């Protein structure tokens, strides 16, 4: 053999392949070619692992269920978004306490079974977490010495990141302690990459979803939302997945998404929040609900979290009450006027204020028209048929 000649390795004989070494694509193609020459059907190895429809239906996979009725599904990937100070952390601490005490969430949504919670805190630290947790514990009628509190674990400010190394450690501790709920507070502190980059955001689900499937755990990640109108303290129109800060993949990849926002304060140190369900992949849709907090932070009194009602029903009841009061005020005002007819815009100017909006007044006028107290003819004017004075006031001069 000359120096320029290359040694061509012989093909391994059938059955002489090196054990424990995965064949390459070239090796598998050669096996197929040899099998075709020998007319022997040979199937190459593949990474696909398929399940037939019959096998899938016959499997013992349990149906979709909840750990908290209607609110939180099992084996789910959830985002809870909201502006700073919107009680995101407190909300999840309350749910964790409901999980160990089996008391209804907000005093309304039933807990299906007791569950353990891991709270990964990279936002507040031990001092703030302890203060809020202590107030919530006392609202459950506990002293803080109960054994059930051992079923809520905290990891405070340890540099947790959503990357391969930390997620591997997370799965180990889930297996060791049997957590059913894991809360990550919050994404801004734990995320590796840019919130606006779809590729970076997609890595979150790529890393967490296999853990959720293998360990049957629900993971809730707290996140911020886009800026809201602080003067009215409400979204207009109601929030959507697009209101979650960052890439649209945050909302697109999760199983459930919620947004919580402050909705003013009441007397006796009461604060209210509105909880919107932005997305539900499996399970039942719920309307936006109002949550009421009671307790004085300055006096360190217990922090109680209560369900106040369906926001739409509450808003309708409030609107109906305003309209009913307006009907009486409009008729009393009309009796004191000389004119029998007024323009609609003129009537609105007389009663509009911060609490009473245009639509309240128009609803009241429509109700009075239905009752027969007023006549709308033409649409620009309302006339009181009970008035004896037939002269119409000149609205433009007024």
Protein backbone atom coordinates (compact mmCIF):
# COMPACT_ATOMS: atom_id res chain seq x y z
CA UNK A 1 0.00 0.00 0.00
CA UNK A 2 1.43 3.38 -1.00
CA UNK A 3 1.54 6.43 1.27
CA UNK A 4 -1.05 8.19 -0.86
CA UNK A 5 -3.58 5.42 -0.59
CA UNK A 6 -6.22 5.81 2.08
CA UNK A 7 -7.35 2.95 4.20
CA UNK A 8 -11.06 2.48 3.79
CA UNK A 9 -12.58 0.84 6.86
CA UNK A 10 -14.67 -2.20 6.20
CA UNK A 11 -18.35 -2.11 7.05
CA UNK A 12 -19.08 -3.89 10.31
CA UNK A 13 -20.60 -7.27 9.80
CA UNK A 14 -24.15 -7.87 10.93
CA UNK A 15 -24.25 -8.38 14.67
CA UNK A 16 -20.72 -7.02 15.23
CA UNK A 17 -21.69 -3.41 16.06
CA UNK A 18 -20.11 -1.93 19.16
CA UNK A 19 -22.55 -2.37 22.06
CA UNK A 20 -23.66 0.79 23.92
CA UNK A 21 -22.85 3.11 20.98
CA UNK A 22 -25.80 4.86 19.32
CA UNK A 23 -25.77 4.36 15.52
CA UNK A 24 -25.51 7.49 13.40
CA UNK A 25 -27.85 8.38 10.55
CA UNK A 26 -25.24 7.07 8.07
CA UNK A 27 -25.07 3.75 9.95
CA UNK A 28 -28.85 3.37 9.86
CA UNK A 29 -28.95 4.14 6.12
CA UNK A 30 -26.34 1.44 5.48
CA UNK A 31 -28.38 -1.06 7.47
CA UNK A 32 -31.43 -0.26 5.34
CA UNK A 33 -29.41 -0.59 2.10
CA UNK A 34 -28.01 -3.96 3.16
CA UNK A 35 -31.47 -5.14 4.19
CA UNK A 36 -32.87 -4.17 0.79
CA UNK A 37 -30.13 -6.17 -0.95
CA UNK A 38 -30.92 -9.20 1.20
CA UNK A 39 -34.69 -8.60 0.88
CA UNK A 40 -34.89 -8.52 4.68
CA UNK A 41 -37.26 -5.90 6.20
CA UNK A 42 -35.36 -3.93 8.84
CA UNK A 43 -36.74 -0.85 10.65
CA UNK A 44 -34.16 1.80 11.56
CA UNK A 45 -34.06 3.18 15.10
CA UNK A 46 -35.95 6.45 15.66
CA UNK A 47 -36.42 9.04 18.39
CA UNK A 48 -40.20 9.04 17.91
CA UNK A 49 -42.25 7.27 20.59
CA UNK A 50 -45.84 7.03 19.44
CA UNK A 51 -49.04 6.00 21.21
CA UNK A 52 -52.10 4.83 19.32
CA UNK A 53 -55.50 6.35 19.92
CA UNK A 54 -56.68 3.08 21.48
CA UNK A 55 -53.72 2.98 23.87
CA UNK A 56 -54.27 6.63 24.80
CA UNK A 57 -57.92 6.04 25.70
CA UNK A 58 -57.08 2.86 27.62
CA UNK A 59 -54.35 4.58 29.64
CA UNK A 60 -54.89 5.37 33.32
CA UNK A 61 -54.26 9.12 32.89
CA UNK A 62 -56.67 10.90 35.30
CA UNK A 63 -59.11 13.51 33.95
CA UNK A 64 -58.42 17.24 34.30
CA UNK A 65 -59.19 18.38 37.82
CA UNK A 66 -58.62 21.30 40.17
CA UNK A 67 -56.66 21.90 43.33
CA UNK A 68 -58.87 24.97 43.91
CA UNK A 69 -62.36 24.76 42.39
CA UNK A 70 -62.67 26.63 39.07
CA UNK A 71 -59.67 28.81 39.97
CA UNK A 72 -56.50 26.64 39.72
CA UNK A 73 -56.19 23.48 37.62
CA UNK A 74 -53.86 20.60 38.41
CA UNK A 75 -50.65 20.24 36.39
CA UNK A 76 -50.91 23.79 35.05
CA UNK A 77 -48.54 26.56 34.06
CA UNK A 78 -50.04 29.86 35.26
CA UNK A 79 -49.17 33.56 35.11
CA UNK A 80 -50.53 36.02 37.67
CA UNK A 81 -49.87 39.57 36.46
CA UNK A 82 -50.57 42.97 37.96
CA UNK A 83 -49.07 46.39 38.67
CA UNK A 84 -46.70 46.85 41.63
CA UNK A 85 -48.50 46.69 44.97
CA UNK A 86 -51.52 44.82 43.59
CA UNK A 87 -51.43 42.04 46.24
CA UNK A 88 -50.00 39.34 43.93
CA UNK A 89 -47.73 37.92 46.64
CA UNK A 90 -50.41 38.17 49.33
CA UNK A 91 -52.93 36.44 47.08
CA UNK A 92 -50.68 33.41 46.58
CA UNK A 93 -49.78 33.29 50.29
CA UNK A 94 -53.50 33.23 51.06
CA UNK A 95 -54.02 30.35 48.60
CA UNK A 96 -51.08 28.45 50.13
CA UNK A 97 -52.66 28.80 53.59
CA UNK A 98 -55.99 27.58 52.22
CA UNK A 99 -54.11 24.57 50.84
CA UNK A 100 -52.84 23.47 54.26
CA UNK A 101 -55.99 24.34 56.24
CA UNK A 102 -58.51 23.19 53.56
CA UNK A 103 -60.46 26.42 54.02
CA UNK A 104 -62.12 27.99 50.94
CA UNK A 105 -60.04 30.47 48.95
CA UNK A 106 -61.43 33.99 49.59
CA UNK A 107 -64.01 32.16 51.71
CA UNK A 108 -65.71 31.10 48.47
CA UNK A 109 -63.72 28.67 46.22
CA UNK A 110 -63.36 25.17 47.71
CA UNK A 111 -59.99 23.43 48.04
CA UNK A 112 -60.24 19.88 46.63
CA UNK A 113 -57.57 18.38 48.92
CA UNK A 114 -54.72 19.59 51.17
CA UNK A 115 -51.53 20.44 49.29
CA UNK A 116 -47.98 21.57 50.01
CA UNK A 117 -46.57 24.78 48.56
CA UNK A 118 -43.05 25.94 47.72
CA UNK A 119 -42.69 29.72 47.60
CA UNK A 120 -39.60 30.87 45.68
CA UNK A 121 -39.20 34.50 46.74
CA UNK A 122 -36.70 36.62 44.84
CA UNK A 123 -38.64 39.87 45.34
CA UNK A 124 -39.57 40.64 48.96
CA UNK A 125 -37.05 38.95 51.26
CA UNK A 126 -37.67 37.28 54.62
CA UNK A 127 -38.63 40.42 56.56
CA UNK A 128 -41.49 41.57 54.32
CA UNK A 129 -42.63 38.00 53.65
CA UNK A 130 -42.78 37.22 57.37
CA UNK A 131 -44.79 40.37 58.13
CA UNK A 132 -47.42 39.70 55.45
CA UNK A 133 -47.52 35.95 56.14
CA UNK A 134 -48.02 36.55 59.88
CA UNK A 135 -51.02 38.82 59.28
CA UNK A 136 -52.56 36.28 56.90
CA UNK A 137 -51.95 33.38 59.32
CA UNK A 138 -53.78 35.23 62.11
CA UNK A 139 -56.73 35.87 59.79
CA UNK A 140 -57.15 32.06 59.66
CA UNK A 141 -57.48 31.99 63.45
CA UNK A 142 -54.04 30.44 63.94
CA UNK A 143 -51.30 31.42 66.36
CA UNK A 144 -48.40 30.54 64.06
CA UNK A 145 -47.40 27.42 66.03
CA UNK A 146 -49.56 24.95 64.10
CA UNK A 147 -47.93 21.89 62.52
CA UNK A 148 -49.74 22.41 59.20
CA UNK A 149 -47.58 25.48 58.55
CA UNK A 150 -44.67 23.09 57.95
CA UNK A 151 -46.33 22.31 54.61
CA UNK A 152 -45.49 25.77 53.25
CA UNK A 153 -41.79 26.22 52.44
CA UNK A 154 -39.96 29.41 51.47
CA UNK A 155 -36.76 30.03 49.58
CA UNK A 156 -35.86 33.69 50.03
CA UNK A 157 -33.39 35.62 47.84
CA UNK A 158 -31.02 32.82 46.83
CA UNK A 159 -30.46 33.84 43.23
CA UNK A 160 -32.93 31.39 41.69
CA UNK A 161 -32.98 31.56 37.88
CA UNK A 162 -35.16 29.86 35.29
CA UNK A 163 -32.32 27.95 33.65
CA UNK A 164 -31.34 24.32 33.24
CA UNK A 165 -29.32 24.04 36.47
CA UNK A 166 -31.91 25.60 38.79
CA UNK A 167 -34.87 23.81 37.18
CA UNK A 168 -33.07 20.50 37.66
CA UNK A 169 -32.66 21.34 41.35
CA UNK A 170 -36.30 22.46 41.51
CA UNK A 171 -37.49 19.09 40.23
CA UNK A 172 -35.36 17.31 42.84
CA UNK A 173 -36.92 19.23 45.73
CA UNK A 174 -40.44 18.76 44.30
CA UNK A 175 -39.85 15.00 44.28
CA UNK A 176 -38.34 15.03 47.77
CA UNK A 177 -41.08 17.12 49.45
CA UNK A 178 -44.16 16.36 47.33
CA UNK A 179 -45.15 19.92 46.46
CA UNK A 180 -48.36 20.36 44.45
CA UNK A 181 -48.02 24.15 44.06
CA UNK A 182 -44.87 26.14 43.29
CA UNK A 183 -44.94 29.95 43.26
CA UNK A 184 -42.11 31.91 41.60
CA UNK A 185 -42.02 35.57 42.72
CA UNK A 186 -41.32 37.10 40.28
CA UNK A 187 -40.36 36.65 36.63
CA UNK A 188 -38.36 39.90 36.45
CA UNK A 189 -35.94 38.61 39.12
CA UNK A 190 -35.67 35.03 37.84
CA UNK A 191 -35.81 35.37 34.07
CA UNK A 192 -32.65 34.87 32.01
CA UNK A 193 -32.94 36.89 28.80
CA UNK A 194 -35.16 39.65 27.42
CA UNK A 195 -38.89 39.81 28.19
CA UNK A 196 -39.50 41.11 24.67
CA UNK A 197 -37.61 38.31 22.91
CA UNK A 198 -39.92 35.45 21.87
CA UNK A 199 -37.05 32.94 21.79
CA UNK A 200 -36.00 33.82 25.35
CA UNK A 201 -39.59 33.69 26.62
CA UNK A 202 -40.24 30.33 24.95
CA UNK A 203 -37.41 28.82 27.02
CA UNK A 204 -39.52 29.27 30.17
CA UNK A 205 -42.12 26.78 29.00
CA UNK A 206 -39.46 24.52 27.47
CA UNK A 207 -37.81 24.19 30.89
CA UNK A 208 -40.88 24.12 33.16
CA UNK A 209 -43.47 22.15 31.17
CA UNK A 210 -41.64 18.78 31.38
CA UNK A 211 -41.35 19.20 35.17
CA UNK A 212 -45.08 19.94 35.41
CA UNK A 213 -45.93 16.85 33.34
CA UNK A 214 -43.56 14.49 35.15
CA UNK A 215 -44.25 15.62 38.73
CA UNK A 216 -47.94 16.63 38.40
CA UNK A 217 -47.30 20.03 39.95
CA UNK A 218 -48.84 23.45 39.27
CA UNK A 219 -46.40 26.34 38.81
CA UNK A 220 -47.56 29.95 39.20
CA UNK A 221 -45.24 32.75 38.07
CA UNK A 222 -45.89 36.31 39.24
CA UNK A 223 -45.36 38.99 36.61
CA UNK A 224 -45.96 42.69 36.04
CA UNK A 225 -48.39 44.20 33.57
CA UNK A 226 -48.29 47.27 31.40
CA UNK A 227 -49.00 50.68 32.92
CA UNK A 228 -52.63 51.41 33.81
CA UNK A 229 -54.65 54.57 34.29
CA UNK A 230 -53.99 55.31 37.96
CA UNK A 231 -56.61 58.07 38.14
CA UNK A 232 -59.51 55.73 37.53
CA UNK A 233 -57.71 52.61 38.87
CA UNK A 234 -59.29 50.45 36.21
CA UNK A 235 -58.68 49.26 32.69
CA UNK A 236 -60.79 50.59 29.89
CA UNK A 237 -61.52 48.33 28.08
CA UNK A 238 -61.04 45.27 30.35
CA UNK A 239 -57.53 43.76 30.25
CA UNK A 240 -56.44 41.04 27.84
CA UNK A 241 -53.34 38.86 27.44
CA UNK A 242 -51.72 41.77 25.61
CA UNK A 243 -51.64 43.68 28.90
CA UNK A 244 -49.05 41.28 30.32
CA UNK A 245 -45.69 43.00 30.05
CA UNK A 246 -43.23 41.70 27.46
CA UNK A 247 -43.57 39.29 24.57
CA UNK A 248 -46.95 37.89 23.57
CA UNK A 249 -45.52 34.41 24.20
CA UNK A 250 -46.03 34.94 27.95
CA UNK A 251 -49.77 34.66 27.45
CA UNK A 252 -49.61 32.29 24.51
CA UNK A 253 -47.67 29.50 26.22
CA UNK A 254 -49.37 29.32 29.61
CA UNK A 255 -52.39 27.19 30.56
CA UNK A 256 -54.04 29.91 32.67
CA UNK A 257 -53.48 33.63 33.10
CA UNK A 258 -54.90 36.09 35.63
CA UNK A 259 -54.54 39.82 36.15
CA UNK A 260 -55.20 41.58 39.44
CA UNK A 261 -55.60 45.33 39.82
CA UNK A 262 -56.48 47.69 42.68
CA UNK A 263 -60.00 49.09 42.72
CA UNK A 264 -60.01 51.84 45.33
CA UNK A 265 -60.40 51.68 49.10
CA UNK A 266 -63.29 51.59 51.51
CA UNK A 267 -63.88 52.50 55.12
CA UNK A 268 -62.38 50.71 58.12
CA UNK A 269 -59.07 50.15 56.31
CA UNK A 270 -60.67 48.10 53.54
CA UNK A 271 -59.01 47.68 50.17
CA UNK A 272 -60.50 46.14 47.04
CA UNK A 273 -58.99 44.35 44.05
CA UNK A 274 -60.44 43.04 40.82
CA UNK A 275 -59.23 39.64 39.59
CA UNK A 276 -59.59 38.98 35.85
CA UNK A 277 -59.22 35.58 34.23
CA UNK A 278 -57.43 36.31 30.95
CA UNK A 279 -57.03 32.73 29.74
CA UNK A 280 -58.12 29.20 30.61
CA UNK A 281 -56.92 26.30 28.47
CA UNK A 282 -58.73 23.58 30.44
CA UNK A 283 -61.55 24.07 32.87
CA UNK A 284 -64.37 26.51 33.41
CA UNK A 285 -64.31 30.22 32.63
CA UNK A 286 -65.06 32.58 35.50
CA UNK A 287 -66.18 36.23 35.38
CA UNK A 288 -64.00 38.95 36.87
CA UNK A 289 -64.44 38.99 40.64
CA UNK A 290 -63.95 41.53 43.40
CA UNK A 291 -61.73 40.70 46.38
CA UNK A 292 -61.90 42.69 49.60
CA UNK A 293 -59.05 42.98 52.12
CA UNK A 294 -59.71 43.97 55.72
CA UNK A 295 -57.18 44.92 58.36
CA UNK A 296 -54.97 47.82 59.35
CA UNK A 297 -51.34 47.47 58.28
CA UNK A 298 -50.20 50.21 60.67
CA UNK A 299 -51.74 48.41 63.64
CA UNK A 300 -50.59 45.00 62.33
CA UNK A 301 -54.10 43.54 62.53
CA UNK A 302 -55.00 40.26 60.74
CA UNK A 303 -55.22 40.54 56.95
CA UNK A 304 -58.43 38.85 55.82
CA UNK A 305 -59.10 38.14 52.13
CA UNK A 306 -62.77 37.84 51.17
CA UNK A 307 -64.78 37.23 48.01
CA UNK A 308 -67.03 40.22 47.40
CA UNK A 309 -68.86 39.13 44.27
CA UNK A 310 -69.07 39.04 40.50
CA UNK A 311 -67.87 42.46 39.33
CA UNK A 312 -70.37 42.62 36.47
CA UNK A 313 -73.29 41.92 38.81
CA UNK A 314 -71.94 44.43 41.32
CA UNK A 315 -71.53 47.11 38.65
CA UNK A 316 -75.05 46.46 37.35
CA UNK A 317 -76.51 46.74 40.85
CA UNK A 318 -74.61 49.99 41.42
CA UNK A 319 -75.73 51.37 38.06
CA UNK A 320 -79.36 50.44 38.72
CA UNK A 321 -79.23 52.20 42.10
CA UNK A 322 -77.82 55.41 40.57
CA UNK A 323 -80.42 55.36 37.79
CA UNK A 324 -83.27 54.87 40.27
CA UNK A 325 -82.11 57.86 42.33
CA UNK A 326 -81.63 59.94 39.17
CA UNK A 327 -85.19 59.32 38.01
CA UNK A 328 -86.53 60.93 41.18
CA UNK A 329 -84.08 63.85 41.04
CA UNK A 330 -84.83 64.59 37.37
CA UNK A 331 -88.59 64.74 37.94
CA UNK A 332 -88.17 66.93 41.05
CA UNK A 333 -85.88 69.27 39.11
CA UNK A 334 -88.32 69.42 36.20
CA UNK A 335 -91.18 70.51 38.46
CA UNK A 336 -89.17 73.60 39.40
CA UNK A 337 -88.54 74.62 35.79
CA UNK A 338 -90.76 76.90 33.71
CA UNK A 339 -90.22 75.05 30.46
CA UNK A 340 -92.01 71.90 29.41
CA UNK A 341 -89.22 70.62 27.11
CA UNK A 342 -85.44 70.43 27.36
CA UNK A 343 -82.64 69.24 25.14
CA UNK A 344 -81.04 65.97 26.23
CA UNK A 345 -77.58 67.57 26.41
CA UNK A 346 -78.94 70.33 28.67
CA UNK A 347 -80.39 67.77 31.10
CA UNK A 348 -77.08 65.88 31.16
CA UNK A 349 -75.19 69.07 32.09
CA UNK A 350 -77.47 69.60 35.10
CA UNK A 351 -76.71 66.22 36.71
CA UNK A 352 -73.32 65.06 35.45
CA UNK A 353 -70.50 64.80 38.03
CA UNK A 354 -67.68 62.43 39.04
CA UNK A 355 -70.06 59.70 40.19
CA UNK A 356 -72.87 60.26 37.69
CA UNK A 357 -71.85 59.68 34.07
CA UNK A 358 -73.59 60.42 30.78
CA UNK A 359 -74.83 56.85 30.43
CA UNK A 360 -76.44 56.98 33.90
CA UNK A 361 -78.48 60.03 32.92
CA UNK A 362 -79.45 58.61 29.52
CA UNK A 363 -80.55 55.36 31.23
CA UNK A 364 -82.68 57.35 33.69
CA UNK A 365 -84.30 59.35 30.87
CA UNK A 366 -84.99 56.15 28.95
CA UNK A 367 -86.65 54.62 32.02
CA UNK A 368 -88.79 57.74 32.51
CA UNK A 369 -89.77 57.54 28.84
CA UNK A 370 -90.76 53.89 29.29
CA UNK A 371 -92.81 54.79 32.38
CA UNK A 372 -94.63 57.48 30.41
CA UNK A 373 -93.32 60.28 32.65
CA UNK A 374 -91.41 61.85 29.74
CA UNK A 375 -91.84 61.90 25.97
CA UNK A 376 -88.86 61.80 23.62
CA UNK A 377 -90.03 63.55 20.45
CA UNK A 378 -87.99 64.26 18.50
CA UNK A 379 -84.89 62.42 19.82
CA UNK A 380 -83.09 65.66 20.62
CA UNK A 381 -85.70 66.80 23.17
CA UNK A 382 -87.47 65.37 26.17
CA UNK A 383 -90.90 66.73 27.07
CA UNK A 384 -92.80 66.50 30.34
CA UNK A 385 -96.48 66.04 29.35
CA UNK A 386 -97.61 66.83 32.91
CA UNK A 387 -96.36 70.43 32.65
CA UNK A 388 -99.11 72.97 31.82
CA UNK A 389 -96.69 75.53 30.36
CA UNK A 390 -96.42 74.85 26.62
CA UNK A 391 -93.52 77.26 26.03
CA UNK A 392 -90.22 75.60 25.19
CA UNK A 393 -87.17 77.16 26.71
CA UNK A 394 -84.61 78.45 24.23
CA UNK A 395 -81.66 76.17 25.00
CA UNK A 396 -79.16 77.96 22.78
CA UNK A 397 -79.68 81.30 24.58
CA UNK A 398 -79.51 79.57 27.97
